[in-house]
Amino acid sequence: MNRTMSKDRGGGENLRAGQAARRMARIVAVAILAVLLCVPLLPGVNDARLFTLTLMFTAVGVAVNWNLTGGFTGYVDFGHAAWFGIGAYTTAILMSLQSNGLQIGWPALPAVVLGALVAGVLAAVIGRATMRLKGPYFSIAMLGTFVAVREIVRVWGGLTGGGVGLTLPPYLNRPLFYYIELGLVAVLVAFTWWLRGTRFGAALVAIREDEIGAEMRGIDTTRLKVMVFSFAGFSTGLFGGLWAFQNTFVDPDIAFVEVRTVDAVMGTMLGGLGTVAGPLVGTVLLFWLRELLWSHLLDYHLIAQGALLIVIVLYLPRGLVGRFDTRGTSMIELWRRRRGRKTHGDGAGGDP
């Protein structure tokens, strides 16, 4: 009897502690957002600083979207930057006078939205085929997709400008870009937090933990995977279109760059794979760490970043936020589960 009461008391204390921690996290998030809203109004904050901050918001947006696929469903996408480049190039093609026979470019808003839609539709089509693959086969297929899309853009010079690239009309209202990107990141993080508490989010995590078991319980795993994959493609394409508009120039080597996916993976792993705040925290830390390495170790910054990735995998597998969030996972656990399922399936389905 006393033992039962002790367990109930301990469970109640853990529940209250968890609620207090979540309440404190919300307060901290609101406070940080309030500070960020005031940044453009602070003295000494020039356009160059705002441009740097919007690039940070873009990196956070890409990482949060990557986490929807890699962290929630467990499908590690090595070609995620393809959706960013597709959104950027679609926006540039529509807005650039070089690709418009009437010499009239599209307005920014419809061009960016259409670019995101194109990225989302292509993600749905490609995801329908590739997300039937398991483990590293999916990752390699997406890496091949990324390379193929980049080369198509490079050789389709009549539409994309080829290796020369495309120039967009200049529009240098840095505070406006800052607030747009900040708002999109805030909405995306809030959406991720809401999603994880829904049945849809629980089904995604069930796919990550045991996809075969989820199918046996009646979850339409293919439909759910493609839905979240296409949303991540749409949202990443939206950030790509805004980046192209702000950058005023795109070419294949800056719109389709492998390090953008690497940063998304590293930022998510550093913060916590499968958590809500992990991609945000990890990507911000990684962004400013890279700025520091770039300024002090120009010739060795990529070596330092590779060493950091090894350290994260070996010594911080669940990430900074993942240490306190039990609903997260690690890349090591993810690959072990995938390998264990494959081994179990091979043993069950082998010849007698």
Protein backbone atom coordinates (compact mmCIF):
# COMPACT_ATOMS: atom_id res chain seq x y z
CA MET A 1 0.00 0.00 0.00
CA ASN A 2 2.75 2.41 0.98
CA ARG A 3 4.70 1.46 -2.12
CA THR A 4 1.68 2.22 -4.32
CA MET A 5 1.15 5.59 -2.68
CA SER A 6 4.85 6.36 -3.13
CA LYS A 7 4.64 5.54 -6.84
CA ASP A 8 1.54 7.70 -7.26
CA ARG A 9 3.22 10.55 -5.45
CA GLY A 10 6.35 10.20 -7.57
CA GLY A 11 4.33 10.08 -10.77
CA GLY A 12 2.42 13.19 -9.76
CA GLU A 13 5.65 15.03 -8.97
CA ASN A 14 7.12 14.07 -12.35
CA LEU A 15 3.97 15.24 -14.09
CA ARG A 16 4.03 18.60 -12.31
CA ALA A 17 7.74 18.99 -13.04
CA GLY A 18 7.12 18.29 -16.73
CA GLN A 19 4.29 20.80 -16.86
CA ALA A 20 6.44 23.42 -15.13
CA ALA A 21 9.29 22.80 -17.58
CA ARG A 22 6.96 23.16 -20.58
CA ARG A 23 5.48 26.35 -19.10
CA MET A 24 8.96 27.77 -18.60
CA ALA A 25 9.92 26.80 -22.17
CA ARG A 26 6.91 28.72 -23.52
CA ILE A 27 7.82 31.79 -21.45
CA VAL A 28 11.41 31.69 -22.69
CA ALA A 29 10.23 31.26 -26.31
CA VAL A 30 7.90 34.27 -26.06
CA ALA A 31 10.66 36.37 -24.47
CA ILE A 32 13.15 35.47 -27.22
CA LEU A 33 10.57 36.25 -29.90
CA ALA A 34 9.89 39.64 -28.29
CA VAL A 35 13.60 40.44 -28.31
CA LEU A 36 13.97 39.39 -31.94
CA LEU A 37 11.05 41.59 -32.93
CA CYS A 38 12.94 44.58 -31.52
CA VAL A 39 16.29 43.84 -33.18
CA PRO A 40 15.77 45.97 -36.35
CA LEU A 41 14.87 48.93 -34.12
CA LEU A 42 18.06 48.78 -32.08
CA PRO A 43 20.79 51.36 -32.74
CA GLY A 44 23.77 50.06 -34.65
CA VAL A 45 21.87 47.24 -36.39
CA ASN A 46 22.57 47.82 -40.09
CA ASP A 47 21.40 46.05 -43.24
CA ALA A 48 24.42 43.73 -43.26
CA ARG A 49 23.57 42.43 -39.78
CA LEU A 50 19.91 41.97 -40.73
CA PHE A 51 20.96 40.08 -43.86
CA THR A 52 23.09 37.74 -41.73
CA LEU A 53 20.19 37.14 -39.34
CA THR A 54 17.79 36.35 -42.20
CA LEU A 55 20.29 33.79 -43.48
CA MET A 56 20.24 32.26 -40.00
CA PHE A 57 16.42 32.14 -40.08
CA THR A 58 16.61 30.45 -43.48
CA ALA A 59 18.98 27.80 -42.12
CA VAL A 60 16.65 27.21 -39.16
CA GLY A 61 13.64 26.84 -41.47
CA VAL A 62 15.44 24.26 -43.62
CA ALA A 63 16.50 22.28 -40.53
CA VAL A 64 13.02 22.29 -38.96
CA ASN A 65 11.58 20.99 -42.23
CA TRP A 66 14.27 18.34 -42.50
CA ASN A 67 13.43 17.21 -38.97
CA LEU A 68 9.82 16.54 -40.00
CA THR A 69 11.09 13.78 -42.27
CA GLY A 70 14.34 12.70 -40.63
CA GLY A 71 13.35 13.17 -36.99
CA PHE A 72 9.64 12.40 -36.92
CA THR A 73 9.39 9.56 -39.46
CA GLY A 74 13.02 8.39 -39.30
CA TYR A 75 13.70 8.78 -43.05
CA VAL A 76 17.10 10.48 -43.31
CA ASP A 77 17.01 12.69 -46.41
CA PHE A 78 20.45 13.51 -47.85
CA GLY A 79 18.93 15.46 -50.76
CA HIS A 80 16.67 17.84 -48.85
CA ALA A 81 18.37 20.91 -50.34
CA ALA A 82 16.83 20.00 -53.71
CA TRP A 83 13.49 21.50 -52.58
CA PHE A 84 15.25 24.70 -51.54
CA GLY A 85 16.89 25.01 -54.95
CA ILE A 86 13.66 24.22 -56.82
CA GLY A 87 11.80 26.91 -54.89
CA ALA A 88 14.62 29.38 -55.49
CA TYR A 89 14.86 28.69 -59.21
CA THR A 90 11.13 28.70 -59.85
CA THR A 91 10.90 32.08 -58.15
CA ALA A 92 13.89 33.38 -60.10
CA ILE A 93 12.53 32.15 -63.45
CA LEU A 94 9.19 33.87 -62.84
CA MET A 95 10.69 37.14 -61.61
CA SER A 96 13.73 37.38 -63.87
CA LEU A 97 13.41 39.53 -66.97
CA GLN A 98 15.95 37.29 -68.67
CA SER A 99 13.46 34.39 -68.81
CA ASN A 100 10.35 36.36 -69.71
CA GLY A 101 9.73 37.11 -73.37
CA LEU A 102 7.45 40.02 -72.45
CA GLN A 103 10.19 41.56 -70.33
CA ILE A 104 7.72 41.71 -67.42
CA GLY A 105 8.65 39.78 -64.31
CA TRP A 106 6.12 38.31 -61.91
CA PRO A 107 5.44 40.08 -58.61
CA ALA A 108 7.36 38.60 -55.70
CA LEU A 109 4.51 37.10 -53.67
CA PRO A 110 2.92 34.91 -56.37
CA ALA A 111 6.37 33.92 -57.66
CA VAL A 112 7.54 32.75 -54.22
CA VAL A 113 4.27 30.92 -53.49
CA LEU A 114 4.29 29.18 -56.88
CA GLY A 115 7.92 28.18 -56.34
CA ALA A 116 6.95 26.58 -53.04
CA LEU A 117 4.02 24.79 -54.68
CA VAL A 118 6.27 23.39 -57.42
CA ALA A 119 8.71 22.13 -54.78
CA GLY A 120 5.86 20.56 -52.79
CA VAL A 121 4.33 18.81 -55.80
CA LEU A 122 7.68 17.42 -56.93
CA ALA A 123 8.38 16.27 -53.37
CA ALA A 124 5.06 14.41 -53.36
CA VAL A 125 5.79 12.75 -56.71
CA ILE A 126 9.37 11.79 -55.86
CA GLY A 127 8.50 10.87 -52.28
CA ARG A 128 5.80 8.49 -53.46
CA ALA A 129 8.51 6.46 -55.17
CA THR A 130 11.52 6.88 -52.90
CA MET A 131 9.81 6.53 -49.51
CA ARG A 132 9.11 2.89 -50.26
CA LEU A 133 12.84 2.38 -49.77
CA LYS A 134 14.25 1.69 -46.33
CA GLY A 135 17.23 2.99 -44.39
CA PRO A 136 20.31 4.03 -46.39
CA TYR A 137 18.63 3.17 -49.71
CA PHE A 138 16.22 6.09 -49.27
CA SER A 139 19.07 8.40 -48.24
CA ILE A 140 21.15 7.48 -51.29
CA ALA A 141 18.13 7.79 -53.60
CA MET A 142 17.48 11.32 -52.34
CA LEU A 143 21.12 12.27 -52.74
CA GLY A 144 20.91 11.06 -56.34
CA THR A 145 17.71 13.10 -56.80
CA PHE A 146 19.49 16.21 -55.57
CA VAL A 147 22.39 15.76 -57.99
CA ALA A 148 20.04 14.99 -60.90
CA VAL A 149 17.91 18.10 -60.31
CA ARG A 150 20.98 20.32 -60.07
CA GLU A 151 22.37 19.00 -63.36
CA ILE A 152 19.00 19.44 -65.09
CA VAL A 153 19.03 23.08 -63.99
CA ARG A 154 22.59 23.45 -65.18
CA VAL A 155 22.01 22.10 -68.69
CA TRP A 156 18.56 23.63 -69.27
CA GLY A 157 20.14 26.97 -70.09
CA GLY A 158 17.27 28.36 -72.15
CA LEU A 159 15.02 28.45 -69.09
CA THR A 160 17.35 28.52 -66.10
CA GLY A 161 20.27 30.49 -67.46
CA GLY A 162 22.52 27.44 -67.10
CA GLY A 163 25.78 28.04 -65.31
CA VAL A 164 25.44 31.79 -65.79
CA GLY A 165 22.43 31.97 -63.49
CA LEU A 166 19.55 34.43 -63.28
CA THR A 167 19.34 37.94 -61.89
CA LEU A 168 16.22 39.10 -60.04
CA PRO A 169 15.01 42.70 -59.70
CA PRO A 170 16.68 44.31 -56.67
CA TYR A 171 14.55 44.93 -53.60
CA LEU A 172 16.68 45.67 -50.59
CA ASN A 173 14.21 46.26 -47.77
CA ARG A 174 16.17 44.25 -45.22
CA PRO A 175 13.85 44.86 -42.23
CA LEU A 176 10.91 43.51 -44.25
CA PHE A 177 12.81 40.34 -45.15
CA TYR A 178 13.86 39.99 -41.53
CA TYR A 179 10.30 40.12 -40.21
CA ILE A 180 8.95 37.81 -42.94
CA GLU A 181 11.57 35.14 -42.24
CA LEU A 182 11.21 35.49 -38.47
CA GLY A 183 7.45 35.11 -38.77
CA LEU A 184 7.76 32.03 -40.97
CA VAL A 185 10.19 30.37 -38.56
CA ALA A 186 7.93 31.14 -35.59
CA VAL A 187 4.88 29.71 -37.40
CA LEU A 188 6.81 26.63 -38.51
CA VAL A 189 8.14 25.87 -35.01
CA ALA A 190 4.66 26.42 -33.54
CA PHE A 191 3.21 24.09 -36.18
CA THR A 192 5.79 21.42 -35.33
CA TRP A 193 4.98 21.73 -31.63
CA TRP A 194 1.26 21.40 -32.40
CA LEU A 195 1.83 18.50 -34.79
CA ARG A 196 3.70 16.42 -32.25
CA GLY A 197 0.71 16.52 -29.91
CA THR A 198 -1.77 15.31 -32.54
CA ARG A 199 -2.68 11.79 -33.62
CA PHE A 200 -1.01 12.51 -36.95
CA GLY A 201 2.25 13.36 -35.19
CA ALA A 202 1.96 10.27 -32.99
CA ALA A 203 1.49 8.17 -36.13
CA LEU A 204 4.66 9.65 -37.64
CA VAL A 205 6.64 8.74 -34.54
CA ALA A 206 5.10 5.26 -34.64
CA ILE A 207 6.43 4.92 -38.20
CA ARG A 208 9.87 5.91 -36.95
CA GLU A 209 9.84 3.47 -34.05
CA ASP A 210 8.28 0.48 -35.82
CA GLU A 211 6.90 0.96 -39.30
CA ILE A 212 5.77 -2.64 -39.71
CA GLY A 213 3.97 -2.49 -36.38
CA ALA A 214 2.32 0.78 -37.39
CA GLU A 215 1.05 -0.81 -40.61
CA MET A 216 -0.32 -3.76 -38.65
CA ARG A 217 -2.27 -1.31 -36.48
CA GLY A 218 -3.99 0.13 -39.52
CA ILE A 219 -1.85 3.25 -40.10
CA ASP A 220 -1.55 4.17 -43.77
CA THR A 221 2.19 4.69 -43.51
CA THR A 222 2.83 5.50 -47.17
CA ARG A 223 0.18 8.24 -47.24
CA LEU A 224 1.40 9.83 -44.02
CA LYS A 225 5.05 9.73 -45.08
CA VAL A 226 4.31 11.33 -48.43
CA MET A 227 2.12 13.99 -46.82
CA VAL A 228 4.79 15.13 -44.37
CA PHE A 229 7.49 14.82 -47.04
CA SER A 230 5.58 17.02 -49.49
CA PHE A 231 4.83 19.58 -46.76
CA ALA A 232 8.53 19.72 -45.88
CA GLY A 233 9.31 20.18 -49.59
CA PHE A 234 6.73 22.97 -49.91
CA SER A 235 7.95 24.81 -46.81
CA THR A 236 11.61 24.44 -47.76
CA GLY A 237 10.80 25.70 -51.26
CA LEU A 238 9.15 28.73 -49.65
CA PHE A 239 12.37 29.57 -47.83
CA GLY A 240 14.28 28.98 -51.07
CA GLY A 241 12.09 31.44 -52.98
CA LEU A 242 12.52 34.11 -50.31
CA TRP A 243 16.25 33.52 -50.31
CA ALA A 244 16.41 33.98 -54.10
CA PHE A 245 14.35 37.19 -53.87
CA GLN A 246 16.61 38.56 -51.14
CA ASN A 247 19.84 37.41 -52.81
CA THR A 248 18.75 38.86 -56.21
CA PHE A 249 20.84 36.24 -58.02
CA VAL A 250 20.82 32.45 -58.36
CA ASP A 251 23.00 29.91 -60.12
CA PRO A 252 23.26 26.12 -59.68
CA ASP A 253 26.32 26.31 -57.44
CA ILE A 254 24.70 28.52 -54.80
CA ALA A 255 21.06 27.37 -55.05
CA PHE A 256 21.92 23.64 -55.04
CA VAL A 257 24.73 23.27 -52.52
CA GLU A 258 25.27 20.06 -50.56
CA VAL A 259 26.35 21.86 -47.40
CA ARG A 260 22.79 23.15 -46.93
CA THR A 261 21.59 19.61 -46.27
CA VAL A 262 24.66 18.88 -44.15
CA ASP A 263 23.90 21.94 -42.02
CA ALA A 264 20.29 20.82 -41.58
CA VAL A 265 21.40 17.35 -40.47
CA MET A 266 24.13 18.65 -38.16
CA GLY A 267 21.94 21.37 -36.63
CA THR A 268 19.15 18.89 -35.96
CA MET A 269 21.49 16.31 -34.46
CA LEU A 270 23.24 18.92 -32.32
CA GLY A 271 19.91 20.15 -30.95
CA GLY A 272 18.03 16.87 -30.84
CA LEU A 273 16.64 14.64 -33.59
CA GLY A 274 12.87 14.30 -33.40
CA THR A 275 12.40 17.16 -30.91
CA VAL A 276 10.61 20.45 -31.51
CA ALA A 277 13.22 22.91 -30.27
CA GLY A 278 16.24 20.81 -31.26
CA PRO A 279 16.63 21.98 -34.88
CA LEU A 280 16.16 25.59 -33.77
CA VAL A 281 18.73 25.47 -30.96
CA GLY A 282 21.24 23.34 -32.84
CA THR A 283 21.11 25.33 -36.07
CA VAL A 284 21.52 28.69 -34.33
CA LEU A 285 24.55 27.39 -32.42
CA LEU A 286 26.01 25.82 -35.57
CA PHE A 287 25.43 29.00 -37.59
CA TRP A 288 27.36 31.24 -35.21
CA LEU A 289 30.02 28.58 -34.66
CA ARG A 290 30.58 28.52 -38.40
CA GLU A 291 30.84 32.31 -38.47
CA LEU A 292 33.49 32.06 -35.75
CA LEU A 293 35.40 29.28 -37.53
CA TRP A 294 35.17 31.13 -40.85
CA SER A 295 36.71 34.26 -39.37
CA HIS A 296 39.51 32.49 -37.45
CA LEU A 297 40.10 29.20 -39.31
CA LEU A 298 39.33 30.04 -42.91
CA ASP A 299 41.45 27.24 -44.38
CA TYR A 300 40.35 24.63 -41.83
CA HIS A 301 36.72 25.45 -41.04
CA LEU A 302 35.36 22.47 -42.99
CA ILE A 303 37.74 20.13 -41.17
CA ALA A 304 36.57 21.56 -37.86
CA GLN A 305 32.93 21.12 -38.89
CA GLY A 306 33.53 17.48 -39.85
CA ALA A 307 35.22 16.85 -36.49
CA LEU A 308 32.22 18.44 -34.76
CA LEU A 309 29.88 16.04 -36.53
CA ILE A 310 31.90 13.06 -35.29
CA VAL A 311 31.84 14.43 -31.74
CA ILE A 312 28.06 14.90 -31.87
CA VAL A 313 27.43 11.35 -33.08
CA LEU A 314 29.79 9.76 -30.54
CA TYR A 315 29.34 11.84 -27.41
CA LEU A 316 26.06 13.73 -27.81
CA PRO A 317 23.88 11.29 -29.79
CA ARG A 318 20.53 12.63 -28.53
CA GLY A 319 21.50 16.29 -28.84
CA LEU A 320 21.27 19.18 -26.38
CA VAL A 321 17.47 19.31 -26.24
CA GLY A 322 17.15 15.55 -26.69
CA ARG A 323 18.86 14.99 -23.34
CA PHE A 324 15.75 16.40 -21.68
CA ASP A 325 13.11 15.30 -24.20
CA THR A 326 12.45 11.58 -24.13
CA ARG A 327 10.44 11.73 -27.35
CA GLY A 328 13.56 12.44 -29.38
CA THR A 329 15.96 9.88 -30.82
CA SER A 330 19.51 9.64 -32.13
CA MET A 331 20.95 8.73 -35.50
CA ILE A 332 22.64 5.68 -33.96
CA GLU A 333 19.35 4.41 -32.50
CA LEU A 334 17.61 5.10 -35.78
CA TRP A 335 20.05 3.03 -37.86
CA ARG A 336 20.10 0.25 -35.26
CA ARG A 337 16.32 -0.05 -35.39
CA ARG A 338 16.36 -0.08 -39.20
CA ARG A 339 19.07 -2.76 -39.24
CA GLY A 340 17.29 -4.79 -36.56
CA ARG A 341 14.02 -4.77 -38.51
CA LYS A 342 15.81 -5.81 -41.69
CA THR A 343 17.61 -8.65 -39.91
CA HIS A 344 14.40 -9.80 -38.27
CA GLY A 345 12.54 -9.64 -41.57
CA ASP A 346 15.25 -11.61 -43.37
CA GLY A 347 15.19 -14.27 -40.68
CA ALA A 348 11.41 -14.55 -40.70
CA GLY A 349 11.14 -14.67 -44.45
CA GLY A 350 14.07 -16.95 -45.25
CA ASP A 351 13.88 -20.38 -46.73
CA PRO A 352 13.21 -23.22 -44.27
